[in-house]
């Protein structure tokens, strides 16, 4: 019995605009974000769950100064 589940990616318009700007400014940072997104899609529960107002979301650090939150 195979219980493997596939997850999808949905990007808001606001986030998409930021990624387009980042594509022009820093391709290296955009590549790091893409790598983390792939890791999230493979194992979404791997990273730290948030509490309080953001209960249900999770976070992952990208490089040293950037935090990506996702649900």
N, C-alpha and C. Protein backbone atom coordinates (compact mmCIF):
# COMPACT_ATOMS: atom_id res chain seq x y z
N UNK A 1 0.85 -1.19 0.00
CA UNK A 1 0.00 0.00 0.00
C UNK A 1 0.89 1.25 0.00
N UNK A 2 0.72 2.09 -0.97
CA UNK A 2 1.53 3.30 -1.11
C UNK A 2 0.74 4.49 -0.60
N UNK A 3 1.24 5.13 0.45
CA UNK A 3 0.53 6.26 1.07
C UNK A 3 1.15 7.60 0.69
N UNK A 4 1.99 7.61 -0.33
CA UNK A 4 2.65 8.84 -0.72
C UNK A 4 1.63 9.83 -1.27
N UNK A 5 1.72 11.07 -0.78
CA UNK A 5 0.77 12.10 -1.17
C UNK A 5 1.51 13.20 -1.90
N UNK A 6 0.93 13.73 -2.95
CA UNK A 6 1.54 14.84 -3.67
C UNK A 6 0.98 16.16 -3.16
N UNK A 7 1.85 17.16 -3.09
CA UNK A 7 1.45 18.49 -2.66
C UNK A 7 1.63 19.45 -3.81
N UNK A 8 0.83 20.49 -3.82
CA UNK A 8 0.90 21.49 -4.88
C UNK A 8 1.44 22.80 -4.35
N UNK A 9 1.69 23.70 -5.26
CA UNK A 9 2.21 25.01 -4.92
C UNK A 9 1.26 26.06 -5.45
N UNK A 10 0.85 26.96 -4.58
CA UNK A 10 -0.02 28.06 -4.95
C UNK A 10 0.66 29.35 -4.49
N UNK A 11 0.94 30.24 -5.42
CA UNK A 11 1.66 31.48 -5.10
C UNK A 11 0.70 32.66 -5.27
N UNK A 12 0.62 33.51 -4.25
CA UNK A 12 -0.25 34.68 -4.33
C UNK A 12 0.30 35.67 -5.35
N UNK A 13 -0.56 36.55 -5.84
CA UNK A 13 -0.14 37.57 -6.80
C UNK A 13 0.94 38.46 -6.19
N UNK A 14 0.78 38.80 -4.91
CA UNK A 14 1.75 39.65 -4.22
C UNK A 14 3.12 38.97 -4.16
N UNK A 15 3.13 37.70 -3.79
CA UNK A 15 4.40 36.96 -3.73
C UNK A 15 5.01 36.83 -5.12
N UNK A 16 4.19 36.60 -6.10
CA UNK A 16 4.69 36.46 -7.47
C UNK A 16 5.37 37.74 -7.95
N UNK A 17 4.80 38.89 -7.61
CA UNK A 17 5.42 40.17 -7.97
C UNK A 17 6.78 40.32 -7.31
N UNK A 18 6.87 39.90 -6.04
CA UNK A 18 8.15 39.99 -5.32
C UNK A 18 9.18 39.06 -5.94
N UNK A 19 8.76 37.87 -6.36
CA UNK A 19 9.68 36.94 -7.00
C UNK A 19 10.17 37.49 -8.34
N UNK A 20 9.30 38.17 -9.07
CA UNK A 20 9.70 38.77 -10.35
C UNK A 20 10.76 39.85 -10.12
N UNK A 21 10.60 40.67 -9.08
CA UNK A 21 11.60 41.69 -8.75
C UNK A 21 12.91 41.03 -8.35
N UNK A 22 12.80 39.98 -7.54
CA UNK A 22 13.98 39.27 -7.06
C UNK A 22 14.73 38.62 -8.21
N UNK A 23 14.01 38.18 -9.21
CA UNK A 23 14.59 37.55 -10.40
C UNK A 23 15.56 38.52 -11.09
N UNK A 24 15.22 39.81 -11.04
CA UNK A 24 16.06 40.83 -11.66
C UNK A 24 17.22 41.23 -10.76
N UNK A 25 16.98 41.24 -9.44
CA UNK A 25 17.99 41.71 -8.48
C UNK A 25 18.99 40.64 -8.07
N UNK A 26 18.49 39.46 -7.70
CA UNK A 26 19.36 38.44 -7.12
C UNK A 26 18.92 37.03 -7.52
N UNK A 27 19.49 36.57 -8.60
CA UNK A 27 19.14 35.22 -9.07
C UNK A 27 19.62 34.16 -8.09
N UNK A 28 20.69 34.46 -7.37
CA UNK A 28 21.22 33.51 -6.38
C UNK A 28 20.21 33.29 -5.26
N UNK A 29 19.63 34.37 -4.76
CA UNK A 29 18.64 34.24 -3.68
C UNK A 29 17.37 33.56 -4.20
N UNK A 30 16.96 33.85 -5.40
CA UNK A 30 15.79 33.21 -5.98
C UNK A 30 16.03 31.70 -6.14
N UNK A 31 17.24 31.32 -6.51
CA UNK A 31 17.57 29.89 -6.62
C UNK A 31 17.50 29.22 -5.26
N UNK A 32 17.94 29.91 -4.20
CA UNK A 32 17.87 29.36 -2.84
C UNK A 32 16.41 29.18 -2.43
N UNK A 33 15.55 30.12 -2.79
CA UNK A 33 14.12 30.01 -2.48
C UNK A 33 13.51 28.83 -3.23
N UNK A 34 13.84 28.69 -4.50
CA UNK A 34 13.32 27.58 -5.29
C UNK A 34 13.74 26.23 -4.71
N UNK A 35 14.98 26.16 -4.24
CA UNK A 35 15.48 24.92 -3.64
C UNK A 35 14.68 24.57 -2.38
N UNK A 36 14.43 25.58 -1.53
CA UNK A 36 13.65 25.34 -0.31
C UNK A 36 12.22 24.95 -0.64
N UNK A 37 11.64 25.58 -1.64
CA UNK A 37 10.26 25.24 -2.04
C UNK A 37 10.19 23.78 -2.47
N UNK A 38 11.20 23.32 -3.19
CA UNK A 38 11.23 21.91 -3.59
C UNK A 38 11.30 21.00 -2.37
N UNK A 39 12.10 21.39 -1.37
CA UNK A 39 12.20 20.61 -0.13
C UNK A 39 10.86 20.59 0.59
N UNK A 40 10.17 21.72 0.61
CA UNK A 40 8.85 21.80 1.25
C UNK A 40 7.87 20.88 0.55
N UNK A 41 7.87 20.89 -0.78
CA UNK A 41 6.95 20.04 -1.54
C UNK A 41 7.23 18.55 -1.30
N UNK A 42 8.49 18.20 -1.10
CA UNK A 42 8.85 16.81 -0.84
C UNK A 42 8.45 16.37 0.56
N UNK A 43 8.72 17.22 1.55
CA UNK A 43 8.41 16.89 2.95
C UNK A 43 7.88 18.13 3.67
N UNK A 44 6.61 18.44 3.50
CA UNK A 44 6.04 19.69 4.02
C UNK A 44 6.04 19.81 5.55
N UNK A 45 6.05 18.71 6.27
CA UNK A 45 6.00 18.79 7.73
C UNK A 45 7.38 18.78 8.37
N UNK A 46 8.40 18.87 7.57
CA UNK A 46 9.79 18.83 8.05
C UNK A 46 10.16 20.09 8.84
N UNK A 47 9.64 21.23 8.45
CA UNK A 47 10.09 22.49 9.03
C UNK A 47 9.21 22.93 10.20
N UNK A 48 9.65 23.93 10.91
CA UNK A 48 9.06 24.32 12.19
C UNK A 48 7.63 24.86 12.08
N UNK A 49 6.71 24.28 12.87
CA UNK A 49 5.35 24.82 12.91
C UNK A 49 5.30 26.11 13.73
N UNK A 50 4.43 27.01 13.34
CA UNK A 50 4.27 28.28 14.06
C UNK A 50 3.11 28.19 15.04
N UNK A 51 3.10 29.13 15.98
CA UNK A 51 2.05 29.15 17.00
C UNK A 51 1.36 30.50 17.00
N UNK A 52 0.41 30.64 17.90
CA UNK A 52 -0.29 31.91 18.05
C UNK A 52 -1.13 32.26 16.84
N UNK A 53 -1.02 33.52 16.40
CA UNK A 53 -1.81 34.01 15.26
C UNK A 53 -1.50 33.25 13.97
N UNK A 54 -0.34 32.65 13.91
CA UNK A 54 0.06 31.95 12.68
C UNK A 54 -0.03 30.43 12.82
N UNK A 55 -0.85 29.98 13.78
CA UNK A 55 -1.03 28.54 13.98
C UNK A 55 -1.51 27.90 12.68
N UNK A 56 -0.91 26.79 12.32
CA UNK A 56 -1.26 26.11 11.08
C UNK A 56 -0.25 26.37 9.97
N UNK A 57 0.55 27.41 10.14
CA UNK A 57 1.59 27.72 9.16
C UNK A 57 2.92 27.16 9.65
N UNK A 58 3.88 27.10 8.77
CA UNK A 58 5.23 26.65 9.12
C UNK A 58 6.23 27.65 8.57
N UNK A 59 7.47 27.55 9.07
CA UNK A 59 8.50 28.47 8.59
C UNK A 59 9.77 27.71 8.25
N UNK A 60 10.53 28.28 7.35
CA UNK A 60 11.84 27.73 6.98
C UNK A 60 12.77 28.91 6.69
N UNK A 61 14.00 28.80 7.16
CA UNK A 61 15.00 29.85 6.92
C UNK A 61 15.66 29.62 5.57
N UNK A 62 15.85 30.72 4.86
CA UNK A 62 16.57 30.69 3.59
C UNK A 62 17.75 31.63 3.75
N UNK A 63 18.94 31.09 3.56
CA UNK A 63 20.17 31.81 3.87
C UNK A 63 20.12 32.21 5.34
N UNK A 64 20.61 33.38 5.69
CA UNK A 64 20.64 33.74 7.11
C UNK A 64 19.61 34.80 7.48
N UNK A 65 19.13 35.55 6.50
CA UNK A 65 18.28 36.69 6.85
C UNK A 65 16.88 36.63 6.26
N UNK A 66 16.47 35.50 5.73
CA UNK A 66 15.17 35.43 5.07
C UNK A 66 14.40 34.24 5.62
N UNK A 67 13.14 34.48 5.99
CA UNK A 67 12.28 33.41 6.50
C UNK A 67 11.07 33.29 5.58
N UNK A 68 10.81 32.08 5.13
CA UNK A 68 9.66 31.80 4.28
C UNK A 68 8.61 31.10 5.13
N UNK A 69 7.39 31.64 5.14
CA UNK A 69 6.29 30.97 5.86
C UNK A 69 5.36 30.36 4.83
N UNK A 70 4.78 29.22 5.20
CA UNK A 70 3.88 28.53 4.27
C UNK A 70 2.84 27.74 5.04
N UNK A 71 1.76 27.40 4.34
CA UNK A 71 0.68 26.58 4.91
C UNK A 71 0.44 25.40 3.99
